[in-house]
Amino acid sequence: MKKTISNFRFAAIALVFFFTTGVANAASGNPKSTEPVSIQYVGLWQSYPVFQLELNSTDSEELFVVVKDRDNNVLHSETLTGKNINRKYALEVERQDLQRIQISVSSKNNNTTQVYQLSNSTSVVEQFRVAKM
């Protein structure tokens, strides 16, 4: 029981670290998106999927970001203020549960909400080669 609680505490601390740390897109070498809001898959961190949220605007905005699971439980929420904001989120969910995660971004300035549904797919590619000996 104590080990489960300590594992949960470690996981919570890791999530807080990723949720509160903004990472500039220029460091990764990826081109900047022209969309006001974009979400993209970055990779894995300790077998958990990591997504990058980019908020691009010309004026300073106040935005509210909410990450929910399939049962509408809030996994994370935060209020962001600024012009160009980048955040990386490590989602501690099983791969099969990724299709049930929603990320919503609401703008306080213009009263709009954009909702993104995460999905993943797995494919197996089998190739045969014939070589002359």
Protein backbone atom coordinates (compact mmCIF):
# COMPACT_ATOMS: atom_id res chain seq x y z
CA MET A 1 0.00 0.00 0.00
CA LYS A 2 2.80 2.43 0.91
CA LYS A 3 4.65 1.59 -2.30
CA THR A 4 1.53 2.34 -4.37
CA ILE A 5 1.12 5.71 -2.65
CA SER A 6 4.80 6.60 -3.17
CA ASN A 7 4.58 5.58 -6.86
CA PHE A 8 1.50 7.76 -7.19
CA ARG A 9 3.32 10.69 -5.56
CA PHE A 10 6.26 10.28 -7.96
CA ALA A 11 3.88 10.19 -10.93
CA ALA A 12 2.07 13.30 -9.68
CA ILE A 13 5.35 15.18 -9.24
CA ALA A 14 6.47 14.17 -12.74
CA LEU A 15 3.20 15.39 -14.22
CA VAL A 16 3.40 18.71 -12.37
CA PHE A 17 6.93 19.17 -13.70
CA PHE A 18 5.81 18.67 -17.29
CA PHE A 19 2.64 20.72 -16.92
CA THR A 20 4.41 23.75 -15.50
CA THR A 21 7.47 23.70 -17.73
CA GLY A 22 7.17 25.52 -21.02
CA VAL A 23 9.68 24.61 -23.68
CA ALA A 24 10.45 26.87 -26.63
CA ASN A 25 9.80 25.37 -30.03
CA ALA A 26 12.92 26.98 -31.49
CA ALA A 27 15.13 24.66 -29.46
CA SER A 28 13.65 21.59 -31.12
CA GLY A 29 14.19 22.92 -34.64
CA ASN A 30 10.54 22.43 -35.61
CA PRO A 31 9.03 25.13 -37.81
CA LYS A 32 6.49 27.36 -36.10
CA SER A 33 2.86 26.66 -36.85
CA THR A 34 0.73 29.41 -38.35
CA GLU A 35 -2.42 28.07 -36.66
CA PRO A 36 -3.55 29.94 -33.51
CA VAL A 37 -3.68 26.63 -31.60
CA SER A 38 -1.87 23.45 -32.55
CA ILE A 39 -1.24 20.17 -30.77
CA GLN A 40 1.32 17.65 -31.95
CA TYR A 41 2.83 14.41 -30.72
CA VAL A 42 6.46 14.87 -29.58
CA GLY A 43 7.52 11.41 -28.42
CA LEU A 44 7.70 9.27 -25.31
CA TRP A 45 8.95 10.09 -21.82
CA GLN A 46 9.30 7.02 -19.57
CA SER A 47 6.86 5.19 -21.90
CA TYR A 48 4.25 7.96 -21.57
CA PRO A 49 3.20 9.94 -24.66
CA VAL A 50 4.23 13.60 -24.74
CA PHE A 51 2.24 16.23 -26.65
CA GLN A 52 3.19 19.82 -27.38
CA LEU A 53 0.58 22.57 -27.28
CA GLU A 54 1.43 25.75 -29.21
CA LEU A 55 -0.64 28.88 -28.76
CA ASN A 56 0.24 31.54 -31.35
CA SER A 57 -1.39 34.96 -31.23
CA THR A 58 -0.43 38.52 -32.07
CA ASP A 59 -2.02 39.95 -28.92
CA SER A 60 -1.65 38.80 -25.33
CA GLU A 61 -4.49 36.41 -24.52
CA GLU A 62 -5.80 34.61 -21.48
CA LEU A 63 -6.42 30.96 -22.31
CA PHE A 64 -7.78 28.09 -20.24
CA VAL A 65 -6.49 24.58 -21.06
CA VAL A 66 -8.33 21.48 -19.80
CA VAL A 67 -7.30 17.84 -20.33
CA LYS A 68 -10.10 15.30 -19.68
CA ASP A 69 -10.37 11.52 -19.85
CA ARG A 70 -13.24 9.46 -21.30
CA ASP A 71 -15.33 9.86 -18.13
CA ASN A 72 -14.93 13.67 -18.22
CA ASN A 73 -12.57 13.58 -15.24
CA VAL A 74 -10.22 16.55 -15.37
CA LEU A 75 -6.64 15.26 -15.58
CA HIS A 76 -5.12 18.73 -15.78
CA SER A 77 -6.23 22.35 -16.12
CA GLU A 78 -4.34 25.61 -16.21
CA THR A 79 -4.74 29.24 -17.18
CA LEU A 80 -2.14 30.65 -19.59
CA THR A 81 -1.51 34.29 -20.41
CA GLY A 82 0.74 35.59 -23.17
CA LYS A 83 1.34 35.89 -26.90
CA ASN A 84 3.25 32.80 -28.01
CA ILE A 85 3.02 29.97 -25.50
CA ASN A 86 4.47 26.46 -25.77
CA ARG A 87 3.74 23.67 -23.28
CA LYS A 88 4.59 19.99 -23.25
CA TYR A 89 2.28 17.53 -21.54
CA ALA A 90 3.24 13.97 -20.57
CA LEU A 91 0.02 12.02 -20.22
CA GLU A 92 0.23 9.13 -17.78
CA VAL A 93 -2.33 6.94 -19.49
CA GLU A 94 -2.22 3.55 -21.14
CA ARG A 95 -1.88 3.65 -24.92
CA GLN A 96 -5.35 2.18 -25.43
CA ASP A 97 -6.84 5.01 -23.33
CA LEU A 98 -5.31 7.74 -25.51
CA GLN A 99 -8.29 7.70 -27.85
CA ARG A 100 -10.45 8.85 -25.02
CA ILE A 101 -8.45 11.95 -24.06
CA GLN A 102 -9.74 15.42 -24.96
CA ILE A 103 -7.84 18.69 -24.78
CA SER A 104 -9.89 21.88 -24.86
CA VAL A 105 -8.49 25.38 -25.22
CA SER A 106 -10.80 28.27 -24.34
CA SER A 107 -10.03 31.91 -25.04
CA LYS A 108 -11.32 34.44 -22.55
CA ASN A 109 -10.74 37.33 -24.99
CA ASN A 110 -13.00 36.12 -27.81
CA ASN A 111 -15.15 33.49 -26.00
CA THR A 112 -14.19 30.57 -28.26
CA THR A 113 -13.32 26.98 -27.40
CA GLN A 114 -11.39 24.50 -29.52
CA VAL A 115 -11.57 20.81 -28.58
CA TYR A 116 -9.03 18.20 -29.70
CA GLN A 117 -9.48 14.44 -29.43
CA LEU A 118 -6.30 12.38 -29.24
CA SER A 119 -6.07 9.16 -31.21
CA ASN A 120 -3.40 6.65 -31.99
CA SER A 121 -3.07 3.77 -34.37
CA THR A 122 -0.74 0.84 -34.64
CA SER A 123 0.18 -0.88 -37.87
CA VAL A 124 2.44 -3.78 -38.61
CA VAL A 125 4.43 -3.77 -41.82
CA GLU A 126 5.83 -7.05 -43.04
CA GLN A 127 8.27 -6.97 -45.92
CA PHE A 128 9.91 -9.81 -47.82
CA ARG A 129 13.07 -9.38 -49.83
CA VAL A 130 14.39 -11.71 -52.44
CA ALA A 131 18.08 -11.50 -53.20
CA LYS A 132 19.96 -13.30 -55.89
CA MET A 133 22.84 -15.32 -54.44
